[in-house]
N, C-alpha and C. Protein backbone atom coordinates (compact mmCIF):
# COMPACT_ATOMS: atom_id res chain seq x y z
N UNK A 1 0.95 -1.15 0.08
CA UNK A 1 -0.21 -0.15 0.20
C UNK A 1 0.75 1.12 0.28
N UNK A 2 0.54 2.25 -1.06
CA UNK A 2 1.98 3.05 -1.52
C UNK A 2 1.34 4.17 -0.47
N UNK A 3 1.54 5.50 0.43
CA UNK A 3 1.35 6.11 1.12
C UNK A 3 2.27 7.04 0.95
N UNK A 4 1.64 8.17 0.83
CA UNK A 4 2.17 10.29 0.86
C UNK A 4 2.01 10.61 1.91
N UNK A 5 3.01 10.98 2.88
CA UNK A 5 2.72 11.62 3.97
C UNK A 5 3.60 13.16 4.36
N UNK A 6 2.90 13.96 4.98
CA UNK A 6 3.95 14.74 5.42
C UNK A 6 4.01 14.74 6.91
N UNK A 7 4.63 15.38 7.76
CA UNK A 7 5.02 14.85 8.90
C UNK A 7 5.17 16.50 9.15
N UNK A 8 4.13 17.45 10.00
CA UNK A 8 4.84 18.61 10.49
C UNK A 8 4.96 18.79 12.34
N UNK A 9 5.34 19.18 12.32
CA UNK A 9 5.49 20.81 14.37
C UNK A 9 6.86 20.92 14.66
N UNK A 10 6.44 21.70 15.35
CA UNK A 10 7.15 22.59 16.04
C UNK A 10 8.74 21.68 16.10
N UNK A 11 9.94 22.55 16.04
CA UNK A 11 10.85 22.24 16.55
C UNK A 11 11.09 21.48 18.21
N UNK A 12 11.68 20.31 18.29
CA UNK A 12 11.56 19.81 19.66
C UNK A 12 10.10 18.35 19.57
N UNK A 13 9.37 18.20 19.05
CA UNK A 13 8.16 17.78 19.14
C UNK A 13 8.44 16.10 18.90
N UNK A 14 9.58 15.64 18.39
CA UNK A 14 9.96 14.62 18.17
C UNK A 14 9.69 13.86 16.59
N UNK A 15 10.08 14.66 15.87
CA UNK A 15 9.46 14.37 14.57
C UNK A 15 10.52 13.28 13.97
N UNK A 16 11.81 13.80 14.23
CA UNK A 16 12.96 12.85 13.26
C UNK A 16 12.83 11.41 13.80
N UNK A 17 12.63 11.75 15.09
CA UNK A 17 12.41 9.87 15.58
C UNK A 17 11.15 9.55 15.26
N UNK A 18 10.18 10.21 15.06
CA UNK A 18 8.99 9.37 14.44
C UNK A 18 9.35 9.21 13.03
N UNK A 19 9.51 10.21 12.67
CA UNK A 19 9.89 9.69 10.80
C UNK A 19 10.40 8.39 10.83
N UNK A 20 11.46 8.65 11.53
CA UNK A 20 12.36 6.77 11.40
C UNK A 20 11.48 5.57 11.52
N UNK A 21 10.84 5.84 12.66
CA UNK A 21 9.62 4.39 13.11
C UNK A 21 8.91 4.36 12.57
N UNK A 22 8.64 5.32 11.53
CA UNK A 22 7.15 5.17 10.73
C UNK A 22 7.58 5.01 9.56
N UNK A 23 8.60 5.39 8.64
CA UNK A 23 9.87 4.72 7.80
C UNK A 23 9.84 3.31 7.81
N UNK A 24 9.74 2.42 8.67
CA UNK A 24 10.31 1.01 9.30
C UNK A 24 9.12 0.28 9.13
N UNK A 25 7.92 1.34 9.59
CA UNK A 25 6.78 0.48 10.19
C UNK A 25 5.84 0.33 8.47
N UNK A 26 5.56 1.52 8.03
CA UNK A 26 5.38 1.62 7.19
C UNK A 26 6.17 1.33 5.55
N UNK A 27 7.30 1.31 5.62
CA UNK A 27 8.02 0.90 4.36
C UNK A 27 8.69 1.53 3.65
N UNK A 28 8.36 2.86 3.97
CA UNK A 28 8.31 4.09 2.57
C UNK A 28 9.78 5.07 3.43
N UNK A 29 10.48 6.13 2.44
CA UNK A 29 11.55 6.41 3.03
C UNK A 29 11.12 8.00 3.78
N UNK A 30 11.90 7.99 4.93
CA UNK A 30 11.64 9.16 5.40
C UNK A 30 12.27 9.73 4.78
N UNK A 31 12.45 11.51 4.42
CA UNK A 31 13.05 12.14 3.68
C UNK A 31 12.70 13.32 4.33
N UNK A 32 14.16 13.89 4.65
CA UNK A 32 14.37 15.07 5.36
C UNK A 32 15.17 16.26 4.66
N UNK A 33 14.11 17.72 4.58
CA UNK A 33 14.64 18.25 4.55
C UNK A 33 16.26 18.99 4.53
N UNK A 34 16.38 18.07 5.83
CA UNK A 34 17.82 18.83 6.18
C UNK A 34 18.70 18.17 5.82
N UNK A 35 18.28 16.51 5.76
CA UNK A 35 19.24 15.30 5.58
C UNK A 35 19.38 15.56 3.83
N UNK A 36 18.47 16.36 3.07
CA UNK A 36 18.54 16.64 1.63
C UNK A 36 20.18 17.40 1.25
N UNK A 37 19.32 19.06 2.37
CA UNK A 37 20.64 19.86 1.96
C UNK A 37 22.02 19.26 2.16
N UNK A 38 22.49 18.28 3.63
CA UNK A 38 23.32 18.24 4.02
C UNK A 38 23.98 17.26 2.41
N UNK A 39 23.31 16.18 2.01
CA UNK A 39 23.82 15.20 1.08
C UNK A 39 24.12 16.06 -0.23
N UNK A 40 22.98 16.60 -0.54
CA UNK A 40 23.90 18.04 -2.30
C UNK A 40 24.92 18.97 -1.75
N UNK A 41 25.11 18.98 -0.33
CA UNK A 41 26.26 19.98 -0.42
C UNK A 41 27.71 18.93 0.23
N UNK A 42 27.43 18.08 0.68
CA UNK A 42 28.48 16.73 0.16
C UNK A 42 28.91 16.33 0.00
N UNK A 43 27.63 16.43 -1.37
CA UNK A 43 28.02 15.55 -2.72
C UNK A 43 28.75 17.07 -3.82
N UNK A 44 28.55 18.37 -3.24
CA UNK A 44 28.91 19.18 -4.13
C UNK A 44 28.47 19.26 -5.14
N UNK A 45 26.97 19.18 -5.31
CA UNK A 45 25.98 18.83 -6.67
C UNK A 45 26.06 20.35 -6.70
N UNK A 46 25.18 20.73 -8.13
CA UNK A 46 25.47 22.31 -8.41
C UNK A 46 24.33 22.90 -7.02
N UNK A 47 23.34 21.92 -7.12
CA UNK A 47 21.96 22.40 -6.10
C UNK A 47 22.77 23.19 -5.07
N UNK A 48 23.99 21.65 -4.65
CA UNK A 48 24.37 21.96 -3.19
C UNK A 48 25.10 23.07 -3.15
N UNK A 49 25.96 23.40 -3.93
CA UNK A 49 26.70 24.58 -3.53
C UNK A 49 25.90 25.97 -3.60
N UNK A 50 25.07 25.72 -4.27
CA UNK A 50 24.23 27.10 -4.15
C UNK A 50 23.17 27.35 -3.24
N UNK A 51 23.19 26.08 -2.34
CA UNK A 51 22.36 26.26 -1.43
C UNK A 51 23.03 26.41 -0.17
N UNK A 52 24.07 25.79 -0.09
CA UNK A 52 25.50 26.07 1.00
C UNK A 52 25.75 27.54 1.34
N UNK A 53 25.46 28.27 0.03
CA UNK A 53 26.00 29.94 -0.14
C UNK A 53 24.84 30.21 0.68
N UNK A 54 23.20 30.43 0.98
CA UNK A 54 22.61 30.30 1.62
C UNK A 54 23.41 30.07 3.15
N UNK A 55 22.87 28.82 3.30
CA UNK A 55 22.70 28.26 4.71
C UNK A 55 24.15 29.01 5.43
N UNK A 56 25.48 28.93 4.85
CA UNK A 56 26.73 30.06 5.39
C UNK A 56 26.39 31.33 6.14
N UNK A 57 25.44 31.68 5.23
CA UNK A 57 25.11 33.37 5.70
C UNK A 57 23.81 33.19 6.89
N UNK A 58 23.47 32.03 6.78
CA UNK A 58 22.88 31.78 7.85
C UNK A 58 21.15 32.37 7.17
N UNK A 59 21.03 32.09 6.45
CA UNK A 59 19.93 32.35 5.81
C UNK A 59 18.71 31.74 5.18
N UNK A 60 17.53 31.77 4.98
CA UNK A 60 16.72 30.14 4.25
C UNK A 60 17.41 30.36 2.80
N UNK A 61 17.08 28.64 2.34
CA UNK A 61 17.38 28.32 1.13
C UNK A 61 16.07 28.90 0.62
N UNK A 62 16.26 29.58 -0.82
CA UNK A 62 15.04 30.11 -1.44
C UNK A 62 14.25 29.14 -1.80
N UNK A 63 12.87 29.05 -2.64
CA UNK A 63 12.18 28.04 -2.38
C UNK A 63 12.23 27.44 -3.74
N UNK A 64 12.97 27.87 -5.07
CA UNK A 64 12.90 27.70 -6.04
C UNK A 64 14.55 26.47 -5.95
N UNK A 65 15.59 26.98 -5.17
CA UNK A 65 16.33 25.39 -4.75
C UNK A 65 15.78 24.50 -3.94
N UNK A 66 14.90 24.28 -3.27
CA UNK A 66 14.34 23.63 -2.32
C UNK A 66 13.51 22.66 -2.82
N UNK A 67 12.88 23.35 -4.26
CA UNK A 67 11.62 22.39 -4.87
C UNK A 67 12.53 21.86 -5.87
N UNK A 68 13.38 22.49 -6.25
CA UNK A 68 14.26 21.38 -7.68
C UNK A 68 14.78 19.72 -6.46
N UNK A 69 15.46 20.36 -4.91
CA UNK A 69 16.45 19.28 -4.17
C UNK A 69 15.15 18.24 -4.26
N UNK A 70 13.98 19.05 -3.92
CA UNK A 70 12.62 17.40 -3.06
C UNK A 70 12.27 17.28 -4.49
N UNK A 71 11.87 17.41 -5.64
CA UNK A 71 11.70 17.06 -6.60
C UNK A 71 12.78 15.73 -7.28
N UNK A 72 13.87 16.49 -7.34
CA UNK A 72 14.96 14.99 -7.52
C UNK A 72 14.79 13.80 -6.56
N UNK A 73 14.64 14.19 -5.20
CA UNK A 73 14.35 12.84 -3.93
C UNK A 73 13.96 12.84 -4.31
N UNK A 74 11.97 12.84 -4.81
CA UNK A 74 11.16 12.16 -4.95
C UNK A 74 10.65 11.79 -6.05
N UNK A 75 11.70 11.97 -7.38
CA UNK A 75 11.90 11.08 -8.50
C UNK A 75 13.05 9.95 -8.32
N UNK A 76 13.43 9.42 -6.94
CA UNK A 76 14.21 8.42 -6.69
C UNK A 76 13.35 7.14 -6.97
N UNK A 77 14.06 6.05 -7.21
CA UNK A 77 13.16 4.79 -7.35
C UNK A 77 12.68 3.95 -5.90
N UNK A 78 13.20 4.65 -4.59
CA UNK A 78 12.91 4.20 -2.96
C UNK A 78 11.28 5.10 -2.78
N UNK A 79 11.20 6.20 -3.81
CA UNK A 79 9.76 7.46 -3.03
C UNK A 79 9.01 6.72 -4.58
N UNK A 80 9.04 5.69 -4.92
CA UNK A 80 7.85 5.31 -6.07
C UNK A 80 6.62 4.84 -5.65
N UNK A 81 6.64 4.18 -4.71
CA UNK A 81 5.74 3.84 -3.63
C UNK A 81 5.25 4.52 -2.62
N UNK A 82 5.46 5.68 -2.57
CA UNK A 82 5.84 6.24 -1.15
C UNK A 82 6.64 6.99 -0.60
N UNK A 83 6.59 8.09 0.44
CA UNK A 83 7.09 8.40 1.14
C UNK A 83 6.76 9.44 2.13
N UNK A 84 7.57 9.42 3.42
CA UNK A 84 7.42 10.69 4.65
C UNK A 84 7.86 11.71 4.18
N UNK A 85 7.22 12.65 3.62
CA UNK A 85 8.58 13.93 4.20
C UNK A 85 8.24 15.23 5.24
N UNK A 86 9.72 15.48 5.68
CA UNK A 86 9.93 15.70 7.20
C UNK A 86 10.63 17.09 6.64
N UNK A 87 10.32 18.29 7.09
CA UNK A 87 10.72 19.44 6.99
C UNK A 87 10.05 20.43 5.44
N UNK A 88 9.04 19.25 4.46
CA UNK A 88 8.95 20.35 3.57
C UNK A 88 7.20 19.83 3.39
N UNK A 89 6.47 20.32 2.96
CA UNK A 89 6.61 22.17 2.52
C UNK A 89 6.36 22.96 4.13
N UNK A 90 6.64 24.34 3.53
CA UNK A 90 6.89 24.78 5.05
C UNK A 90 6.53 26.84 4.19
N UNK A 91 5.76 26.53 3.21
CA UNK A 91 4.60 27.71 2.93
C UNK A 91 4.05 27.49 1.74
N UNK A 92 2.94 28.71 1.69
CA UNK A 92 2.30 27.61 0.78
C UNK A 92 2.36 27.57 -0.76
N UNK A 93 3.78 28.36 -0.59
CA UNK A 93 4.07 28.47 -2.32
C UNK A 93 4.57 26.82 -2.82
N UNK A 94 5.14 26.11 -1.36
CA UNK A 94 5.93 24.89 -1.30
C UNK A 94 4.75 24.09 -1.72
N UNK A 95 3.38 24.22 -0.80
CA UNK A 95 2.38 23.33 -1.08
C UNK A 95 1.72 23.21 -1.99
N UNK A 96 1.44 24.60 -3.47
CA UNK A 96 1.53 24.71 -4.61
C UNK A 96 2.67 23.85 -5.22
N UNK A 97 3.75 23.85 -5.07
CA UNK A 97 4.52 23.33 -6.13
C UNK A 97 5.17 21.24 -5.58
N UNK A 98 4.47 21.42 -4.54
CA UNK A 98 4.20 20.08 -4.21
C UNK A 98 3.39 18.94 -4.89
N UNK A 99 2.08 19.85 -4.95
CA UNK A 99 0.71 19.17 -5.58
C UNK A 99 1.36 19.53 -7.00
N UNK A 100 1.76 20.33 -7.61
CA UNK A 100 2.14 20.39 -8.91
C UNK A 100 3.26 18.80 -9.06
N UNK A 101 4.28 18.73 -8.76
CA UNK A 101 5.32 17.56 -8.60
C UNK A 101 4.20 16.14 -8.54
N UNK A 102 3.02 15.47 -7.21
CA UNK A 102 2.83 14.79 -7.72
C UNK A 102 1.82 14.32 -7.96
N UNK A 103 0.95 15.65 -8.70
CA UNK A 103 0.02 14.96 -9.81
C UNK A 103 0.67 15.14 -11.41
N UNK A 104 1.89 15.49 -11.37
CA UNK A 104 2.79 15.41 -12.23
C UNK A 104 2.90 14.09 -12.57
N UNK A 105 3.21 12.88 -11.41
CA UNK A 105 3.28 11.94 -11.31
C UNK A 105 2.14 10.44 -11.23
N UNK A 106 1.09 11.25 -11.43
CA UNK A 106 -0.18 11.03 -10.97
C UNK A 106 -0.89 10.55 -9.65
N UNK A 107 -0.33 11.14 -8.72
CA UNK A 107 -0.37 10.84 -7.11
C UNK A 107 -0.70 12.65 -6.93
N UNK A 108 -1.26 11.91 -5.31
CA UNK A 108 -1.42 13.52 -4.62
C UNK A 108 -0.77 12.47 -2.97
N UNK A 109 -1.44 13.58 -2.12
CA UNK A 109 -0.87 13.06 -0.79
C UNK A 109 -1.99 12.50 0.09
N UNK A 110 -1.68 11.65 0.61
CA UNK A 110 -2.81 10.66 1.30
C UNK A 110 -2.67 11.35 2.72
N UNK A 111 -1.74 11.83 3.63
CA UNK A 111 -2.15 12.03 4.99
C UNK A 111 -1.40 13.39 5.46
N UNK A 112 -1.32 14.37 6.20
CA UNK A 112 -0.96 15.45 6.71
C UNK A 112 -0.40 15.35 8.22
N UNK A 113 0.47 14.77 8.73
CA UNK A 113 0.25 14.77 10.04
C UNK A 113 0.94 15.70 10.77
N UNK A 114 0.24 16.40 11.99
CA UNK A 114 0.63 17.88 13.14
C UNK A 114 0.82 17.15 14.31
N UNK A 115 1.99 17.15 14.16
CA UNK A 115 2.20 16.48 15.88
C UNK A 115 2.78 17.65 16.44
N UNK A 116 1.16 17.90 17.41
CA UNK A 116 1.30 18.82 18.41
C UNK A 116 2.39 18.56 20.07
N UNK A 117 2.47 19.69 20.79
CA UNK A 117 3.28 20.05 21.85
C UNK A 117 2.80 21.16 22.47
N UNK A 118 2.82 21.05 23.87
CA UNK A 118 2.90 22.44 24.91
C UNK A 118 4.34 22.83 24.55
N UNK A 119 3.87 24.10 24.28
CA UNK A 119 5.23 25.40 24.03
C UNK A 119 6.07 25.29 25.31
N UNK A 120 5.92 25.12 26.29
CA UNK A 120 6.61 25.33 27.33
C UNK A 120 7.68 23.86 27.43
N UNK A 121 6.59 22.73 27.45
CA UNK A 121 7.48 21.47 27.43
C UNK A 121 8.66 21.28 26.10
N UNK A 122 7.84 21.84 25.16
CA UNK A 122 8.69 21.94 24.23
C UNK A 122 10.49 22.78 24.55
N UNK A 123 9.79 24.28 24.31
CA UNK A 123 11.03 24.68 25.32
C UNK A 123 12.04 24.43 25.98
N UNK A 124 11.68 23.42 27.04
CA UNK A 124 12.26 22.74 28.45
C UNK A 124 13.29 21.64 27.38
N UNK A 125 12.29 21.21 26.79
CA UNK A 125 13.03 19.73 25.17
C UNK A 125 14.11 20.20 24.68
N UNK A 126 14.52 21.44 24.60
CA UNK A 126 15.38 22.17 23.56
C UNK A 126 16.28 22.68 24.59
N UNK A 127 15.70 23.29 25.34
CA UNK A 127 17.31 23.83 26.67
C UNK A 127 18.37 22.46 27.16
N UNK A 128 17.89 21.20 27.22
CA UNK A 128 17.97 20.31 27.50
C UNK A 128 18.98 20.00 26.69
N UNK A 129 18.47 19.67 25.42
CA UNK A 129 18.94 19.12 24.20
C UNK A 129 19.94 20.10 23.94
N UNK A 130 19.94 21.61 23.61
CA UNK A 130 20.78 22.37 23.86
C UNK A 130 22.13 22.39 24.76
N UNK A 131 22.17 22.41 26.05
CA UNK A 131 23.02 21.42 26.97
C UNK A 131 24.06 20.78 26.59
N UNK A 132 22.86 19.68 26.05
CA UNK A 132 23.78 17.71 25.81
C UNK A 132 24.76 18.05 24.35
N UNK A 133 24.14 19.05 23.49
CA UNK A 133 24.93 19.81 22.79
C UNK A 133 25.71 20.74 22.58
N UNK A 134 25.74 21.15 23.53
CA UNK A 134 26.67 22.64 24.05
C UNK A 134 26.71 23.87 23.04
N UNK A 135 25.10 23.56 22.68
CA UNK A 135 24.63 24.89 21.89
C UNK A 135 24.20 25.81 22.70
N UNK A 136 25.15 27.21 22.84
CA UNK A 136 24.84 28.32 24.11
C UNK A 136 23.95 29.23 23.72
N UNK A 137 23.82 29.27 21.91
CA UNK A 137 23.72 30.06 21.35
C UNK A 137 21.62 30.07 21.51
N UNK A 138 21.24 28.60 21.67
CA UNK A 138 19.95 28.21 21.88
C UNK A 138 19.16 28.77 23.61
N UNK A 139 19.09 29.90 23.90
CA UNK A 139 18.40 30.46 24.77
C UNK A 139 16.87 30.31 24.77
N UNK A 140 16.97 30.70 26.43
CA UNK A 140 14.75 29.81 25.50
C UNK A 140 14.38 31.32 25.74
N UNK A 141 14.75 32.43 25.05
CA UNK A 141 14.28 33.71 24.05
C UNK A 141 14.48 33.09 22.85
N UNK A 142 15.31 32.55 22.02
CA UNK A 142 15.51 32.21 21.32
C UNK A 142 14.82 31.08 21.04
N UNK A 143 14.58 30.18 21.93
CA UNK A 143 13.75 28.92 21.65
C UNK A 143 12.31 29.65 21.43
N UNK A 144 11.74 30.00 21.93
CA UNK A 144 10.46 30.83 22.26
C UNK A 144 10.40 31.42 20.77
N UNK A 145 11.40 32.18 20.31
CA UNK A 145 11.12 33.20 19.01
C UNK A 145 11.04 31.74 17.76
N UNK A 146 11.90 30.64 17.82
CA UNK A 146 12.11 29.55 16.81
C UNK A 146 10.61 29.47 16.66
N UNK A 147 10.15 29.05 17.93
CA UNK A 147 8.34 28.26 17.86
C UNK A 147 7.37 29.57 17.78
N UNK A 148 7.74 30.64 17.60
CA UNK A 148 6.52 31.82 17.30
C UNK A 148 6.39 31.93 15.82
N UNK A 149 7.97 31.66 15.11
CA UNK A 149 8.32 31.69 13.66
C UNK A 149 7.64 30.57 12.99
N UNK A 150 7.74 29.13 14.01
CA UNK A 150 7.20 28.20 13.24
C UNK A 150 5.43 28.14 13.08
N UNK A 151 4.63 28.76 14.27
CA UNK A 151 3.70 28.64 14.41
C UNK A 151 3.12 29.69 13.68
N UNK A 152 3.64 30.98 13.08
CA UNK A 152 2.67 32.32 11.98
C UNK A 152 3.28 31.21 11.00
N UNK A 153 4.51 30.35 10.19
CA UNK A 153 4.61 29.96 9.07
C UNK A 153 3.85 28.98 8.70
N UNK A 154 3.78 28.00 9.78
CA UNK A 154 3.07 26.60 9.66
C UNK A 154 1.43 26.48 9.90
N UNK A 155 1.04 27.58 10.39
CA UNK A 155 -1.06 27.59 10.59
C UNK A 155 -1.43 27.91 9.04
N UNK A 156 -0.76 28.67 8.02
CA UNK A 156 -1.08 28.98 7.05
C UNK A 156 -1.57 27.22 6.49
N UNK A 157 -0.38 26.57 6.32
CA UNK A 157 -0.70 25.31 5.89
C UNK A 157 -1.69 23.89 6.48
N UNK A 158 -1.21 23.72 7.74
CA UNK A 158 -2.28 23.24 8.26
C UNK A 158 -3.62 23.95 7.90
N UNK A 159 -4.04 24.93 7.64
CA UNK A 159 -5.39 25.30 7.29
C UNK A 159 -5.84 24.74 5.84
N UNK A 160 -4.65 25.24 5.09
CA UNK A 160 -5.07 24.35 3.66
C UNK A 160 -4.78 22.84 4.19
N UNK A 161 -4.27 21.67 4.43
CA UNK A 161 -4.73 20.66 4.44
C UNK A 161 -5.50 20.21 5.47
N UNK A 162 -6.28 20.90 6.36
CA UNK A 162 -6.92 21.04 7.08
C UNK A 162 -8.49 21.17 6.14
N UNK A 163 -8.34 21.90 5.31
CA UNK A 163 -9.12 22.23 4.71
C UNK A 163 -9.48 21.04 3.77
N UNK A 164 -8.45 20.18 2.94
CA UNK A 164 -8.49 19.17 2.26
C UNK A 164 -8.98 18.17 2.91
N UNK A 165 -9.10 18.17 3.93
CA UNK A 165 -8.97 16.84 4.81
C UNK A 165 -8.50 15.70 4.90
N UNK A 166 -7.09 16.26 5.25
CA UNK A 166 -5.79 15.77 5.22
C UNK A 166 -5.38 15.59 6.74
N UNK A 167 -5.66 16.66 7.60
CA UNK A 167 -5.03 16.46 8.42
C UNK A 167 -4.93 15.86 9.47
N UNK A 168 -4.10 15.29 10.25
CA UNK A 168 -4.03 14.59 11.53
C UNK A 168 -3.43 15.39 12.33
N UNK A 169 -4.25 15.45 13.49
CA UNK A 169 -3.67 16.03 14.97
C UNK A 169 -3.02 15.27 15.62
N UNK A 170 -1.85 14.80 15.88
CA UNK A 170 -1.46 13.79 17.19
C UNK A 170 -0.93 14.50 18.42
N UNK A 171 -0.99 14.30 19.61
CA UNK A 171 -0.39 14.76 20.47
C UNK A 171 1.22 14.06 20.50
N UNK A 172 2.01 14.93 20.58
CA UNK A 172 3.89 14.58 20.41
C UNK A 172 4.15 13.86 21.81
N UNK A 173 3.70 14.41 22.74
CA UNK A 173 4.11 14.22 23.91
C UNK A 173 3.95 12.72 24.97
N UNK A 174 4.90 12.40 25.57
CA UNK A 174 4.60 10.84 25.76
C UNK A 174 5.92 10.24 25.66
N UNK A 175 5.86 8.80 25.39
CA UNK A 175 6.70 7.70 25.00
C UNK A 175 6.89 7.94 23.90
N UNK A 176 7.78 7.66 22.88
CA UNK A 176 8.12 7.16 21.64
C UNK A 176 7.28 6.18 21.62
N UNK A 177 7.42 5.28 21.74
CA UNK A 177 6.22 4.10 21.29
C UNK A 177 4.87 4.92 21.55
N UNK A 178 4.21 5.51 21.96
CA UNK A 178 3.25 6.01 22.31
C UNK A 178 2.57 6.43 21.46
N UNK A 179 3.82 7.57 20.81
CA UNK A 179 3.37 8.66 20.32
C UNK A 179 3.44 7.61 18.68
N UNK A 180 4.30 6.95 18.10
CA UNK A 180 3.99 6.25 17.34
C UNK A 180 2.89 5.60 16.81
N UNK A 181 2.34 4.91 17.96
CA UNK A 181 1.25 4.36 18.31
C UNK A 181 0.06 5.25 17.79
N UNK A 182 -0.02 6.35 18.38
CA UNK A 182 -1.11 6.91 18.03
C UNK A 182 -0.60 7.93 16.44
N UNK A 183 -0.08 8.23 15.96
CA UNK A 183 0.20 8.41 14.78
C UNK A 183 -0.67 6.75 13.90
N UNK A 184 0.03 5.93 14.38
CA UNK A 184 -0.59 5.16 13.08
C UNK A 184 -2.06 5.29 13.44
N UNK A 185 -2.54 5.14 14.42
CA UNK A 185 -3.87 4.95 14.46
C UNK A 185 -4.77 6.22 13.95
N UNK A 186 -3.88 7.21 14.18
CA UNK A 186 -4.73 8.74 12.65
C UNK A 186 -4.57 8.40 11.53
N UNK A 187 -3.44 7.02 11.33
CA UNK A 187 -3.41 7.00 9.84
C UNK A 187 -4.55 5.16 9.32
N UNK A 188 -5.31 5.06 10.03
CA UNK A 188 -5.96 3.89 10.34
C UNK A 188 -5.05 2.89 9.85
N UNK A 189 -4.05 2.65 11.14
CA UNK A 189 -3.43 1.38 10.41
C UNK A 189 -3.50 0.81 12.09
């Protein structure tokens, strides 16, 4: 059974962990924009070289570059029977571009899973993670700002997917196994 799923949620909600688990459970590749960027930069592809200039300057990689990387990745054989996207789309324009990519392949999205999490809990998680990783730049103010930006940018996407009947909201707090079970239940598994 092929499934095309988007996983969204605030920083610190555990998307990466859940993406790995769902990939194994559903037999589809987990595709993270962060991983795609790193792979293209490491491979010194034309897109990677372009993206690196923006990343090194601390700026967002433009949609045009991101869209091409995603299109390349979705065209690979392992994604033919489905995928789990983590970190894309992030804007309404990227939603339209993803729709175009999928319809060109004769497909559409099956589900959009939003991991929800209490802001204070996420802040505590990210502060702990930043201490463990020695990231002194991740102060509470910086983290709260990132969460505000995320909420502002993501709300239009969740509205689009809710209007299409694709959005499944899942509580992202608790034990990893519990959250995976909640997501699978939301997907009708």
